[in-house]
Amino acid sequence: MSRKPTMDDVAALAGVSIATVDRVLNRRGGVKPDREARVLAAARGLKIDRQLGRSYAHRLRVAVLIQTAANPFHAALGSAVAAANREFLSLNIQFLVHHLDPNRPDRIPGLIDRLARAHDGLIVASPSSPEIAASLRLAAATIPVATLATDVPGSGRHAYVGADDVQGGRVAGDLIGRFLGSAGGDVLMIAGLLSMAGHRDRENGFRAVLREHFPACRVVAVEESRETAEGAGDVAAAALRTHPDLRAIYLTSAGADRVVEALSAAGAPSMVFVTHELTEDRRVLLRSRKIDAIINQDTAIEVRSVTHIMAQLLGRADGAVETVLAPVRIFTAENC
């Protein structure tokens, strides 16, 4: 187009009236979010010289469905969401945290349905089940949906942001195998909930690497903590009684402090102990060498990624929407 673009051109490209274009470009409000997004996309495409996409009259609300702060990892997610709200002020997108109980999966589909009706987008870190996947598919038919930290297979979500949990499990197995050496020994895995796809993937990766490279290491049990610290401590204490030759514990969820307490009470402080997520309480345990290694996925990076993707899905940020696999880092007492 050799001439300077006009509002007529924007209106034709966006499929709206000139009056709608005028209201959007001059920030008068009163335009539905989908039309506003089309107008701004058309204006950017025509390279109209305005500060487009920097100020939006209509506020969009995105529900973020995670566990309560009783789970330190989810507490970190919640803090990162608060930081994202400050970052996305210019796009007028508000991220609102809501809580689910992973031990009441029967309540989660109804919660998803209610949030989807009341919000413009949905970010979910949830256990998976056919009912939960169905509720997310229904939501994704009308609003953008992204899964965070653990995926929900068959959910129809538009994007997933999180670590490669098969790889995370393999890293844990590799660490434990190397710590135990050629003698190997009995290993306990404590998962949060195996209904979470991420925890199942970690188990699969963990078992695979031991089978392939450390056959002297034997997984004697995989127990669920039900995503609670108390549950992790109880499982560890029971396993230490049942398996007196236990040499290593792999924990995938909350409760590292309770596991350490169980090891101390059983007189087994030298047990190899590997877990995930470098939260502040775990940093203290790592520095005191009560945890041997932590495999960390950066919650701040994950939340920044998923909120940016949501802004793209809502038409308030440019770029192609892609699934993001967050990198992981290994921490020991020497680099935490």
C-alpha atoms as a PDB file:
ATOM      1  CA  MET A   1       0.000   0.000   0.000  1.00  0.00           C
ATOM      2  CA  SER A   2       1.765   3.162  -1.264  1.00  0.00           C
ATOM      3  CA  ARG A   3      -0.544   5.688   0.415  1.00  0.00           C
ATOM      4  CA  LYS A   4      -0.804   6.202   4.150  1.00  0.00           C
ATOM      5  CA  PRO A   5      -3.250   3.700   5.777  1.00  0.00           C
ATOM      6  CA  THR A   6      -6.535   5.111   7.031  1.00  0.00           C
ATOM      7  CA  MET A   7      -9.216   4.048   9.507  1.00  0.00           C
ATOM      8  CA  ASP A   8     -11.195   2.736   6.531  1.00  0.00           C
ATOM      9  CA  ASP A   9      -8.331   0.338   5.776  1.00  0.00           C
ATOM     10  CA  VAL A  10      -8.169  -0.829   9.393  1.00  0.00           C
ATOM     11  CA  ALA A  11     -11.936  -1.320   9.484  1.00  0.00           C
ATOM     12  CA  ALA A  12     -11.905  -3.350   6.270  1.00  0.00           C
ATOM     13  CA  LEU A  13      -9.022  -5.552   7.436  1.00  0.00           C
ATOM     14  CA  ALA A  14     -10.536  -6.126  10.894  1.00  0.00           C
ATOM     15  CA  GLY A  15     -14.078  -6.610   9.596  1.00  0.00           C
ATOM     16  CA  VAL A  16     -15.571  -3.916  11.843  1.00  0.00           C
ATOM     17  CA  SER A  17     -17.090  -0.471  11.450  1.00  0.00           C
ATOM     18  CA  ILE A  18     -15.090   2.755  11.229  1.00  0.00           C
ATOM     19  CA  ALA A  19     -16.755   3.862  14.468  1.00  0.00           C
ATOM     20  CA  THR A  20     -15.356   0.772  16.220  1.00  0.00           C
ATOM     21  CA  VAL A  21     -11.881   1.515  14.876  1.00  0.00           C
ATOM     22  CA  ASP A  22     -12.180   5.095  16.121  1.00  0.00           C
ATOM     23  CA  ARG A  23     -13.210   3.947  19.613  1.00  0.00           C
ATOM     24  CA  VAL A  24     -10.304   1.493  19.844  1.00  0.00           C
ATOM     25  CA  LEU A  25      -7.536   3.673  18.420  1.00  0.00           C
ATOM     26  CA  ASN A  26      -8.598   6.661  20.489  1.00  0.00           C
ATOM     27  CA  ARG A  27      -9.134   4.524  23.601  1.00  0.00           C
ATOM     28  CA  ARG A  28     -12.729   5.480  24.229  1.00  0.00           C
ATOM     29  CA  GLY A  29     -13.698   1.990  25.413  1.00  0.00           C
ATOM     30  CA  GLY A  30     -17.004   0.210  24.928  1.00  0.00           C
ATOM     31  CA  VAL A  31     -15.667  -2.337  22.423  1.00  0.00           C
ATOM     32  CA  LYS A  32     -15.805  -6.096  22.957  1.00  0.00           C
ATOM     33  CA  PRO A  33     -12.397  -7.690  23.601  1.00  0.00           C
ATOM     34  CA  ASP A  34     -12.385  -9.829  20.449  1.00  0.00           C
ATOM     35  CA  ARG A  35     -13.176  -6.826  18.243  1.00  0.00           C
ATOM     36  CA  GLU A  36     -10.609  -4.678  20.055  1.00  0.00           C
ATOM     37  CA  ALA A  37      -7.988  -7.377  19.429  1.00  0.00           C
ATOM     38  CA  ARG A  38      -8.878  -7.540  15.712  1.00  0.00           C
ATOM     39  CA  VAL A  39      -8.640  -3.779  15.321  1.00  0.00           C
ATOM     40  CA  LEU A  40      -5.271  -3.577  17.062  1.00  0.00           C
ATOM     41  CA  ALA A  41      -3.896  -6.502  15.063  1.00  0.00           C
ATOM     42  CA  ALA A  42      -5.061  -4.872  11.822  1.00  0.00           C
ATOM     43  CA  ALA A  43      -3.582  -1.523  12.821  1.00  0.00           C
ATOM     44  CA  ARG A  44      -0.247  -3.101  13.662  1.00  0.00           C
ATOM     45  CA  GLY A  45      -0.305  -5.019  10.399  1.00  0.00           C
ATOM     46  CA  LEU A  46      -0.844  -1.764   8.483  1.00  0.00           C
ATOM     47  CA  LYS A  47       1.944  -0.124  10.525  1.00  0.00           C
ATOM     48  CA  ILE A  48      -0.181   2.766  11.696  1.00  0.00           C
ATOM     49  CA  ASP A  49       2.097   5.096  13.647  1.00  0.00           C
ATOM     50  CA  ARG A  50       0.460   4.936  17.075  1.00  0.00           C
ATOM     51  CA  GLN A  51       1.417   3.396  20.395  1.00  0.00           C
ATOM     52  CA  LEU A  52      -0.786   0.393  19.807  1.00  0.00           C
ATOM     53  CA  GLY A  53      -1.083  -2.464  22.248  1.00  0.00           C
ATOM     54  CA  ARG A  54       0.281  -0.356  25.090  1.00  0.00           C
ATOM     55  CA  SER A  55      -3.006   0.782  26.582  1.00  0.00           C
ATOM     56  CA  TYR A  56      -6.317  -1.082  26.480  1.00  0.00           C
ATOM     57  CA  ALA A  57      -9.625   0.256  27.742  1.00  0.00           C
ATOM     58  CA  HIS A  58     -11.118  -3.178  28.415  1.00  0.00           C
ATOM     59  CA  ARG A  59      -9.616  -5.219  31.260  1.00  0.00           C
ATOM     60  CA  LEU A  60      -9.219  -8.936  30.623  1.00  0.00           C
ATOM     61  CA  ARG A  61      -9.334 -11.336  33.558  1.00  0.00           C
ATOM     62  CA  VAL A  62      -7.410 -14.623  33.570  1.00  0.00           C
ATOM     63  CA  ALA A  63      -8.007 -17.242  36.274  1.00  0.00           C
ATOM     64  CA  VAL A  64      -4.906 -19.069  37.529  1.00  0.00           C
ATOM     65  CA  LEU A  65      -5.894 -22.332  39.207  1.00  0.00           C
ATOM     66  CA  ILE A  66      -3.197 -23.755  41.496  1.00  0.00           C
ATOM     67  CA  GLN A  67      -2.852 -25.334  44.935  1.00  0.00           C
ATOM     68  CA  THR A  68      -2.696 -23.298  48.136  1.00  0.00           C
ATOM     69  CA  ALA A  69       0.514 -21.894  49.586  1.00  0.00           C
ATOM     70  CA  ALA A  70       0.692 -24.949  51.878  1.00  0.00           C
ATOM     71  CA  ASN A  71       2.561 -26.490  48.951  1.00  0.00           C
ATOM     72  CA  PRO A  72       5.817 -24.461  48.697  1.00  0.00           C
ATOM     73  CA  PHE A  73       6.083 -24.926  44.934  1.00  0.00           C
ATOM     74  CA  HIS A  74       2.584 -23.550  44.418  1.00  0.00           C
ATOM     75  CA  ALA A  75       3.330 -20.740  46.867  1.00  0.00           C
ATOM     76  CA  ALA A  76       6.199 -19.794  44.551  1.00  0.00           C
ATOM     77  CA  LEU A  77       3.847 -19.936  41.561  1.00  0.00           C
ATOM     78  CA  GLY A  78       1.452 -17.601  43.376  1.00  0.00           C
ATOM     79  CA  SER A  79       4.234 -15.100  44.094  1.00  0.00           C
ATOM     80  CA  ALA A  80       5.292 -15.188  40.457  1.00  0.00           C
ATOM     81  CA  VAL A  81       1.702 -14.515  39.365  1.00  0.00           C
ATOM     82  CA  ALA A  82       1.657 -11.422  41.592  1.00  0.00           C
ATOM     83  CA  ALA A  83       4.799 -10.197  39.815  1.00  0.00           C
ATOM     84  CA  ALA A  84       3.192 -10.904  36.427  1.00  0.00           C
ATOM     85  CA  ASN A  85       0.264  -8.682  37.322  1.00  0.00           C
ATOM     86  CA  ARG A  86       2.662  -5.770  37.722  1.00  0.00           C
ATOM     87  CA  GLU A  87       4.366  -6.615  34.436  1.00  0.00           C
ATOM     88  CA  PHE A  88       1.115  -6.781  32.472  1.00  0.00           C
ATOM     89  CA  LEU A  89      -0.429  -3.537  33.713  1.00  0.00           C
ATOM     90  CA  SER A  90       0.161  -1.899  30.326  1.00  0.00           C
ATOM     91  CA  LEU A  91      -1.827  -4.651  28.593  1.00  0.00           C
ATOM     92  CA  ASN A  92      -4.665  -4.351  31.129  1.00  0.00           C
ATOM     93  CA  ILE A  93      -4.660  -8.094  31.851  1.00  0.00           C
ATOM     94  CA  GLN A  94      -5.322  -9.206  35.412  1.00  0.00           C
ATOM     95  CA  PHE A  95      -4.257 -12.666  36.606  1.00  0.00           C
ATOM     96  CA  LEU A  96      -6.398 -13.872  39.499  1.00  0.00           C
ATOM     97  CA  VAL A  97      -5.260 -16.830  41.629  1.00  0.00           C
ATOM     98  CA  HIS A  98      -7.820 -19.459  42.632  1.00  0.00           C
ATOM     99  CA  HIS A  99      -7.084 -22.626  44.582  1.00  0.00           C
ATOM    100  CA  LEU A 100      -7.871 -26.270  43.987  1.00  0.00           C
ATOM    101  CA  ASP A 101      -7.553 -29.262  46.293  1.00  0.00           C
ATOM    102  CA  PRO A 102      -5.612 -31.982  44.436  1.00  0.00           C
ATOM    103  CA  ASN A 103      -7.097 -34.583  46.788  1.00  0.00           C
ATOM    104  CA  ARG A 104     -10.642 -33.656  45.716  1.00  0.00           C
ATOM    105  CA  PRO A 105     -10.418 -34.132  41.954  1.00  0.00           C
ATOM    106  CA  ASP A 106     -14.205 -34.571  41.834  1.00  0.00           C
ATOM    107  CA  ARG A 107     -14.583 -30.859  42.624  1.00  0.00           C
ATOM    108  CA  ILE A 108     -12.140 -29.597  40.019  1.00  0.00           C
ATOM    109  CA  PRO A 109     -14.326 -29.919  36.876  1.00  0.00           C
ATOM    110  CA  GLY A 110     -17.061 -27.791  38.432  1.00  0.00           C
ATOM    111  CA  LEU A 111     -14.500 -25.205  39.540  1.00  0.00           C
ATOM    112  CA  ILE A 112     -13.051 -25.063  36.022  1.00  0.00           C
ATOM    113  CA  ASP A 113     -16.540 -24.604  34.560  1.00  0.00           C
ATOM    114  CA  ARG A 114     -17.332 -21.721  36.926  1.00  0.00           C
ATOM    115  CA  LEU A 115     -14.025 -19.958  36.325  1.00  0.00           C
ATOM    116  CA  ALA A 116     -14.268 -20.355  32.558  1.00  0.00           C
ATOM    117  CA  ARG A 117     -17.665 -18.651  32.514  1.00  0.00           C
ATOM    118  CA  ALA A 118     -16.402 -15.700  34.568  1.00  0.00           C
ATOM    119  CA  HIS A 119     -12.976 -15.100  32.973  1.00  0.00           C
ATOM    120  CA  ASP A 120     -11.387 -14.386  29.608  1.00  0.00           C
ATOM    121  CA  GLY A 121      -8.641 -17.006  29.963  1.00  0.00           C
ATOM    122  CA  LEU A 122      -7.600 -19.905  32.178  1.00  0.00           C
ATOM    123  CA  ILE A 123      -4.217 -21.177  33.410  1.00  0.00           C
ATOM    124  CA  VAL A 124      -4.325 -24.502  35.272  1.00  0.00           C
ATOM    125  CA  ALA A 125      -1.899 -26.640  37.295  1.00  0.00           C
ATOM    126  CA  SER A 126      -4.090 -29.637  38.027  1.00  0.00           C
ATOM    127  CA  PRO A 127      -4.220 -33.404  38.422  1.00  0.00           C
ATOM    128  CA  SER A 128      -5.499 -35.170  35.335  1.00  0.00           C
ATOM    129  CA  SER A 129      -8.595 -37.310  34.939  1.00  0.00           C
ATOM    130  CA  PRO A 130     -11.087 -37.854  32.112  1.00  0.00           C
ATOM    131  CA  GLU A 131     -13.551 -35.508  33.854  1.00  0.00           C
ATOM    132  CA  ILE A 132     -10.979 -32.748  34.354  1.00  0.00           C
ATOM    133  CA  ALA A 133      -9.779 -33.096  30.759  1.00  0.00           C
ATOM    134  CA  ALA A 134     -13.385 -32.865  29.534  1.00  0.00           C
ATOM    135  CA  SER A 135     -14.026 -29.668  31.513  1.00  0.00           C
ATOM    136  CA  LEU A 136     -10.859 -28.096  30.101  1.00  0.00           C
ATOM    137  CA  ARG A 137     -11.837 -29.095  26.543  1.00  0.00           C
ATOM    138  CA  LEU A 138     -15.177 -27.383  27.068  1.00  0.00           C
ATOM    139  CA  ALA A 139     -13.482 -24.245  28.395  1.00  0.00           C
ATOM    140  CA  ALA A 140     -10.926 -24.239  25.562  1.00  0.00           C
ATOM    141  CA  ALA A 141     -13.738 -24.125  23.029  1.00  0.00           C
ATOM    142  CA  THR A 142     -14.595 -20.583  24.167  1.00  0.00           C
ATOM    143  CA  ILE A 143     -11.539 -19.078  25.918  1.00  0.00           C
ATOM    144  CA  PRO A 144      -7.745 -19.568  25.814  1.00  0.00           C
ATOM    145  CA  VAL A 145      -6.555 -22.340  28.159  1.00  0.00           C
ATOM    146  CA  ALA A 146      -2.965 -23.110  29.178  1.00  0.00           C
ATOM    147  CA  THR A 147      -1.617 -25.770  31.513  1.00  0.00           C
ATOM    148  CA  LEU A 148       1.243 -24.959  33.876  1.00  0.00           C
ATOM    149  CA  ALA A 149       3.886 -27.150  35.564  1.00  0.00           C
ATOM    150  CA  THR A 150       1.970 -30.372  34.871  1.00  0.00           C
ATOM    151  CA  ASP A 151       0.023 -31.094  31.706  1.00  0.00           C
ATOM    152  CA  VAL A 152      -3.487 -32.552  31.404  1.00  0.00           C
ATOM    153  CA  PRO A 153      -3.521 -35.008  28.476  1.00  0.00           C
ATOM    154  CA  GLY A 154      -6.546 -34.766  26.215  1.00  0.00           C
ATOM    155  CA  SER A 155      -7.552 -31.377  27.589  1.00  0.00           C
ATOM    156  CA  GLY A 156      -7.494 -29.470  24.307  1.00  0.00           C
ATOM    157  CA  ARG A 157      -5.396 -26.777  25.980  1.00  0.00           C
ATOM    158  CA  HIS A 158      -3.807 -24.185  23.703  1.00  0.00           C
ATOM    159  CA  ALA A 159      -0.347 -24.330  25.317  1.00  0.00           C
ATOM    160  CA  TYR A 160       1.664 -26.024  28.051  1.00  0.00           C
ATOM    161  CA  VAL A 161       4.491 -24.457  30.048  1.00  0.00           C
ATOM    162  CA  GLY A 162       6.567 -26.608  32.380  1.00  0.00           C
ATOM    163  CA  ALA A 163       9.588 -28.822  32.668  1.00  0.00           C
ATOM    164  CA  ASP A 164      10.180 -32.039  30.734  1.00  0.00           C
ATOM    165  CA  ASP A 165       9.222 -34.308  33.619  1.00  0.00           C
ATOM    166  CA  VAL A 166      10.473 -37.510  31.996  1.00  0.00           C
ATOM    167  CA  GLN A 167      13.854 -35.836  31.747  1.00  0.00           C
ATOM    168  CA  GLY A 168      13.532 -34.606  35.355  1.00  0.00           C
ATOM    169  CA  GLY A 169      12.929 -38.155  36.557  1.00  0.00           C
ATOM    170  CA  ARG A 170      15.885 -39.402  34.540  1.00  0.00           C
ATOM    171  CA  VAL A 171      18.129 -36.738  36.074  1.00  0.00           C
ATOM    172  CA  ALA A 172      16.997 -37.800  39.562  1.00  0.00           C
ATOM    173  CA  GLY A 173      17.731 -41.443  38.750  1.00  0.00           C
ATOM    174  CA  ASP A 174      21.133 -40.568  37.341  1.00  0.00           C
ATOM    175  CA  LEU A 175      22.030 -38.602  40.472  1.00  0.00           C
ATOM    176  CA  ILE A 176      20.925 -41.351  42.850  1.00  0.00           C
ATOM    177  CA  GLY A 177      22.669 -44.030  40.797  1.00  0.00           C
ATOM    178  CA  ARG A 178      25.918 -42.080  40.893  1.00  0.00           C
ATOM    179  CA  PHE A 179      25.594 -41.257  44.603  1.00  0.00           C
ATOM    180  CA  LEU A 180      25.050 -44.928  45.480  1.00  0.00           C
ATOM    181  CA  GLY A 181      27.829 -46.188  43.241  1.00  0.00           C
ATOM    182  CA  SER A 182      28.354 -49.697  41.962  1.00  0.00           C
ATOM    183  CA  ALA A 183      26.901 -51.275  45.132  1.00  0.00           C
ATOM    184  CA  GLY A 184      23.495 -49.759  44.358  1.00  0.00           C
ATOM    185  CA  GLY A 185      20.744 -50.511  46.863  1.00  0.00           C
ATOM    186  CA  ASP A 186      17.058 -50.134  47.628  1.00  0.00           C
ATOM    187  CA  VAL A 187      15.380 -46.870  46.589  1.00  0.00           C
ATOM    188  CA  LEU A 188      12.029 -45.363  47.628  1.00  0.00           C
ATOM    189  CA  MET A 189      10.177 -42.899  45.405  1.00  0.00           C
ATOM    190  CA  ILE A 190       7.618 -40.622  47.070  1.00  0.00           C
ATOM    191  CA  ALA A 191       5.300 -39.039  44.502  1.00  0.00           C
ATOM    192  CA  GLY A 192       2.758 -36.356  45.294  1.00  0.00           C
ATOM    193  CA  LEU A 193      -0.120 -37.749  43.252  1.00  0.00           C
ATOM    194  CA  LEU A 194       0.267 -40.143  40.362  1.00  0.00           C
ATOM    195  CA  SER A 195      -2.912 -38.649  38.918  1.00  0.00           C
ATOM    196  CA  MET A 196      -0.669 -35.702  38.011  1.00  0.00           C
ATOM    197  CA  ALA A 197       0.839 -36.313  34.608  1.00  0.00           C
ATOM    198  CA  GLY A 198       4.115 -34.727  35.666  1.00  0.00           C
ATOM    199  CA  HIS A 199       4.583 -37.117  38.572  1.00  0.00           C
ATOM    200  CA  ARG A 200       3.815 -40.134  36.381  1.00  0.00           C
ATOM    201  CA  ASP A 201       6.341 -38.898  33.855  1.00  0.00           C
ATOM    202  CA  ARG A 202       8.969 -38.461  36.566  1.00  0.00           C
ATOM    203  CA  GLU A 203       8.406 -42.025  37.724  1.00  0.00           C
ATOM    204  CA  ASN A 204       8.746 -43.335  34.173  1.00  0.00           C
ATOM    205  CA  GLY A 205      11.982 -41.425  33.600  1.00  0.00           C
ATOM    206  CA  PHE A 206      13.355 -42.410  37.009  1.00  0.00           C
ATOM    207  CA  ARG A 207      12.705 -46.117  36.513  1.00  0.00           C
ATOM    208  CA  ALA A 208      14.038 -46.034  32.960  1.00  0.00           C
ATOM    209  CA  VAL A 209      17.437 -44.550  33.786  1.00  0.00           C
ATOM    210  CA  LEU A 210      17.983 -46.926  36.720  1.00  0.00           C
ATOM    211  CA  ARG A 211      17.069 -49.872  34.514  1.00  0.00           C
ATOM    212  CA  GLU A 212      19.368 -48.722  31.726  1.00  0.00           C
ATOM    213  CA  HIS A 213      22.427 -47.608  33.675  1.00  0.00           C
ATOM    214  CA  PHE A 214      22.181 -48.595  37.343  1.00  0.00           C
ATOM    215  CA  PRO A 215      20.698 -52.095  37.562  1.00  0.00           C
ATOM    216  CA  ALA A 216      22.012 -52.524  41.121  1.00  0.00           C
ATOM    217  CA  CYS A 217      19.570 -49.816  42.244  1.00  0.00           C
ATOM    218  CA  ARG A 218      16.141 -51.275  42.989  1.00  0.00           C
ATOM    219  CA  VAL A 219      12.938 -49.249  43.319  1.00  0.00           C
ATOM    220  CA  VAL A 220      11.284 -51.060  46.231  1.00  0.00           C
ATOM    221  CA  ALA A 221       8.168 -48.876  46.315  1.00  0.00           C
ATOM    222  CA  VAL A 222       6.492 -45.824  44.792  1.00  0.00           C
ATOM    223  CA  GLU A 223       4.191 -44.226  47.362  1.00  0.00           C
ATOM    224  CA  GLU A 224       1.936 -41.154  47.193  1.00  0.00           C
ATOM    225  CA  SER A 225       2.153 -38.343  49.743  1.00  0.00           C
ATOM    226  CA  ARG A 226      -1.196 -36.917  48.557  1.00  0.00           C
ATOM    227  CA  GLU A 227       0.693 -33.647  47.942  1.00  0.00           C
ATOM    228  CA  THR A 228       1.085 -32.957  51.680  1.00  0.00           C
ATOM    229  CA  ALA A 229       4.204 -32.559  53.808  1.00  0.00           C
ATOM    230  CA  GLU A 230       2.730 -34.782  56.511  1.00  0.00           C
ATOM    231  CA  GLY A 231       2.030 -37.485  53.964  1.00  0.00           C
ATOM    232  CA  ALA A 232       5.629 -37.445  52.735  1.00  0.00           C
ATOM    233  CA  GLY A 233       6.939 -37.776  56.283  1.00  0.00           C
ATOM    234  CA  ASP A 234       4.570 -40.630  57.083  1.00  0.00           C
ATOM    235  CA  VAL A 235       5.495 -42.508  53.898  1.00  0.00           C
ATOM    236  CA  ALA A 236       9.215 -42.108  54.600  1.00  0.00           C
ATOM    237  CA  ALA A 237       8.873 -43.280  58.219  1.00  0.00           C
ATOM    238  CA  ALA A 238       6.828 -46.337  57.210  1.00  0.00           C
ATOM    239  CA  ALA A 239       9.263 -47.259  54.429  1.00  0.00           C
ATOM    240  CA  LEU A 240      12.239 -47.033  56.767  1.00  0.00           C
ATOM    241  CA  ARG A 241      10.545 -49.567  59.038  1.00  0.00           C
ATOM    242  CA  THR A 242       9.490 -51.868  56.183  1.00  0.00           C
ATOM    243  CA  HIS A 243      12.748 -51.652  54.207  1.00  0.00           C
ATOM    244  CA  PRO A 244      15.639 -51.561  56.706  1.00  0.00           C
ATOM    245  CA  ASP A 245      18.180 -51.714  53.850  1.00  0.00           C
ATOM    246  CA  LEU A 246      16.817 -48.574  52.178  1.00  0.00           C
ATOM    247  CA  ARG A 247      19.664 -46.449  50.815  1.00  0.00           C
ATOM    248  CA  ALA A 248      17.996 -43.594  48.918  1.00  0.00           C
ATOM    249  CA  ILE A 249      14.785 -41.569  48.712  1.00  0.00           C
ATOM    250  CA  TYR A 250      13.492 -39.650  45.694  1.00  0.00           C
ATOM    251  CA  LEU A 251      10.745 -37.119  46.553  1.00  0.00           C
ATOM    252  CA  THR A 252       8.790 -35.393  43.781  1.00  0.00           C
ATOM    253  CA  SER A 253       6.508 -33.147  45.848  1.00  0.00           C
ATOM    254  CA  ALA A 254       6.106 -31.274  49.147  1.00  0.00           C
ATOM    255  CA  GLY A 255       7.457 -32.422  52.505  1.00  0.00           C
ATOM    256  CA  ALA A 256      11.258 -32.431  52.268  1.00  0.00           C
ATOM    257  CA  ASP A 257      11.528 -31.236  55.874  1.00  0.00           C
ATOM    258  CA  ARG A 258       9.301 -34.073  57.077  1.00  0.00           C
ATOM    259  CA  VAL A 259      11.374 -36.626  55.194  1.00  0.00           C
ATOM    260  CA  VAL A 260      14.526 -35.249  56.833  1.00  0.00           C
ATOM    261  CA  GLU A 261      12.816 -35.539  60.239  1.00  0.00           C
ATOM    262  CA  ALA A 262      11.880 -39.168  59.498  1.00  0.00           C
ATOM    263  CA  LEU A 263      15.460 -39.970  58.493  1.00  0.00           C
ATOM    264  CA  SER A 264      16.813 -38.403  61.662  1.00  0.00           C
ATOM    265  CA  ALA A 265      14.296 -40.223  63.873  1.00  0.00           C
ATOM    266  CA  ALA A 266      15.225 -43.547  62.242  1.00  0.00           C
ATOM    267  CA  GLY A 267      18.930 -42.933  62.714  1.00  0.00           C
ATOM    268  CA  ALA A 268      19.537 -42.789  58.979  1.00  0.00           C
ATOM    269  CA  PRO A 269      20.826 -39.245  58.365  1.00  0.00           C
ATOM    270  CA  SER A 270      23.318 -40.440  55.715  1.00  0.00           C
ATOM    271  CA  MET A 271      20.568 -41.689  53.393  1.00  0.00           C
ATOM    272  CA  VAL A 272      20.847 -40.314  49.850  1.00  0.00           C
ATOM    273  CA  PHE A 273      17.998 -37.843  49.366  1.00  0.00           C
ATOM    274  CA  VAL A 274      17.141 -36.156  46.048  1.00  0.00           C
ATOM    275  CA  THR A 275      14.123 -33.946  45.397  1.00  0.00           C
ATOM    276  CA  HIS A 276      12.778 -31.138  43.202  1.00  0.00           C
ATOM    277  CA  GLU A 277      12.248 -27.355  43.516  1.00  0.00           C
ATOM    278  CA  LEU A 278      14.687 -25.020  45.241  1.00  0.00           C
ATOM    279  CA  THR A 279      12.279 -23.331  47.667  1.00  0.00           C
ATOM    280  CA  GLU A 280      13.745 -21.373  50.566  1.00  0.00           C
ATOM    281  CA  ASP A 281      13.109 -24.127  53.136  1.00  0.00           C
ATOM    282  CA  ARG A 282      14.813 -26.668  50.881  1.00  0.00           C
ATOM    283  CA  ARG A 283      17.749 -24.332  50.308  1.00  0.00           C
ATOM    284  CA  VAL A 284      18.421 -24.456  54.066  1.00  0.00           C
ATOM    285  CA  LEU A 285      18.274 -28.268  54.068  1.00  0.00           C
ATOM    286  CA  LEU A 286      20.530 -28.432  51.018  1.00  0.00           C
ATOM    287  CA  ARG A 287      23.125 -26.123  52.546  1.00  0.00           C
ATOM    288  CA  SER A 288      23.203 -28.253  55.701  1.00  0.00           C
ATOM    289  CA  ARG A 289      23.644 -31.340  53.449  1.00  0.00           C
ATOM    290  CA  LYS A 290      20.450 -32.990  54.649  1.00  0.00           C
ATOM    291  CA  ILE A 291      19.402 -33.044  50.984  1.00  0.00           C
ATOM    292  CA  ASP A 292      22.014 -34.248  48.498  1.00  0.00           C
ATOM    293  CA  ALA A 293      20.691 -32.592  45.347  1.00  0.00           C
ATOM    294  CA  ILE A 294      17.718 -30.573  44.092  1.00  0.00           C
ATOM    295  CA  ILE A 295      16.462 -30.516  40.500  1.00  0.00           C
ATOM    296  CA  ASN A 296      14.964 -27.078  40.018  1.00  0.00           C
ATOM    297  CA  GLN A 297      12.568 -25.619  37.466  1.00  0.00           C
ATOM    298  CA  ASP A 298      12.420 -21.834  37.721  1.00  0.00           C
ATOM    299  CA  THR A 299       8.844 -20.913  38.669  1.00  0.00           C
ATOM    300  CA  ALA A 300       9.370 -17.253  37.813  1.00  0.00           C
ATOM    301  CA  ILE A 301      10.422 -18.134  34.253  1.00  0.00           C
ATOM    302  CA  GLU A 302       7.508 -20.545  33.869  1.00  0.00           C
ATOM    303  CA  VAL A 303       4.935 -18.003  35.034  1.00  0.00           C
ATOM    304  CA  ARG A 304       6.409 -15.245  32.849  1.00  0.00           C
ATOM    305  CA  SER A 305       6.234 -17.625  29.900  1.00  0.00           C
ATOM    306  CA  VAL A 306       2.663 -18.774  30.478  1.00  0.00           C
ATOM    307  CA  THR A 307       1.360 -15.236  31.127  1.00  0.00           C
ATOM    308  CA  HIS A 308       3.031 -13.980  27.943  1.00  0.00           C
ATOM    309  CA  ILE A 309       1.480 -16.872  26.019  1.00  0.00           C
ATOM    310  CA  MET A 310      -1.903 -15.991  27.494  1.00  0.00           C
ATOM    311  CA  ALA A 311      -1.433 -12.381  26.351  1.00  0.00           C
ATOM    312  CA  GLN A 312      -0.700 -13.722  22.851  1.00  0.00           C
ATOM    313  CA  LEU A 313      -3.765 -15.951  22.913  1.00  0.00           C
ATOM    314  CA  LEU A 314      -5.871 -12.969  23.997  1.00  0.00           C
ATOM    315  CA  GLY A 315      -4.519 -10.853  21.141  1.00  0.00           C
ATOM    316  CA  ARG A 316      -2.547  -8.419  23.297  1.00  0.00           C
ATOM    317  CA  ALA A 317       0.953  -9.602  22.421  1.00  0.00           C
ATOM    318  CA  ASP A 318       2.520 -10.574  19.123  1.00  0.00           C
ATOM    319  CA  GLY A 319       4.294 -13.773  18.165  1.00  0.00           C
ATOM    320  CA  ALA A 320       3.532 -17.427  17.591  1.00  0.00           C
ATOM    321  CA  VAL A 321       2.124 -19.399  20.512  1.00  0.00           C
ATOM    322  CA  GLU A 322       4.278 -22.394  21.370  1.00  0.00           C
ATOM    323  CA  THR A 323       4.520 -25.012  24.102  1.00  0.00           C
ATOM    324  CA  VAL A 324       7.425 -24.095  26.383  1.00  0.00           C
ATOM    325  CA  LEU A 325       9.573 -26.686  28.144  1.00  0.00           C
ATOM    326  CA  ALA A 326      11.369 -24.874  30.950  1.00  0.00           C
ATOM    327  CA  PRO A 327      15.042 -25.721  31.560  1.00  0.00           C
ATOM    328  CA  VAL A 328      16.069 -27.426  34.802  1.00  0.00           C
ATOM    329  CA  ARG A 329      19.188 -26.920  36.917  1.00  0.00           C
ATOM    330  CA  ILE A 330      20.856 -29.184  39.465  1.00  0.00           C
ATOM    331  CA  PHE A 331      21.762 -27.677  42.833  1.00  0.00           C
ATOM    332  CA  THR A 332      23.944 -29.107  45.590  1.00  0.00           C
ATOM    333  CA  ALA A 333      25.257 -27.580  48.805  1.00  0.00           C
ATOM    334  CA  GLU A 334      28.031 -25.952  46.788  1.00  0.00           C
ATOM    335  CA  ASN A 335      25.946 -23.866  44.373  1.00  0.00           C
ATOM    336  CA  CYS A 336      22.657 -23.119  46.123  1.00  0.00           C
END
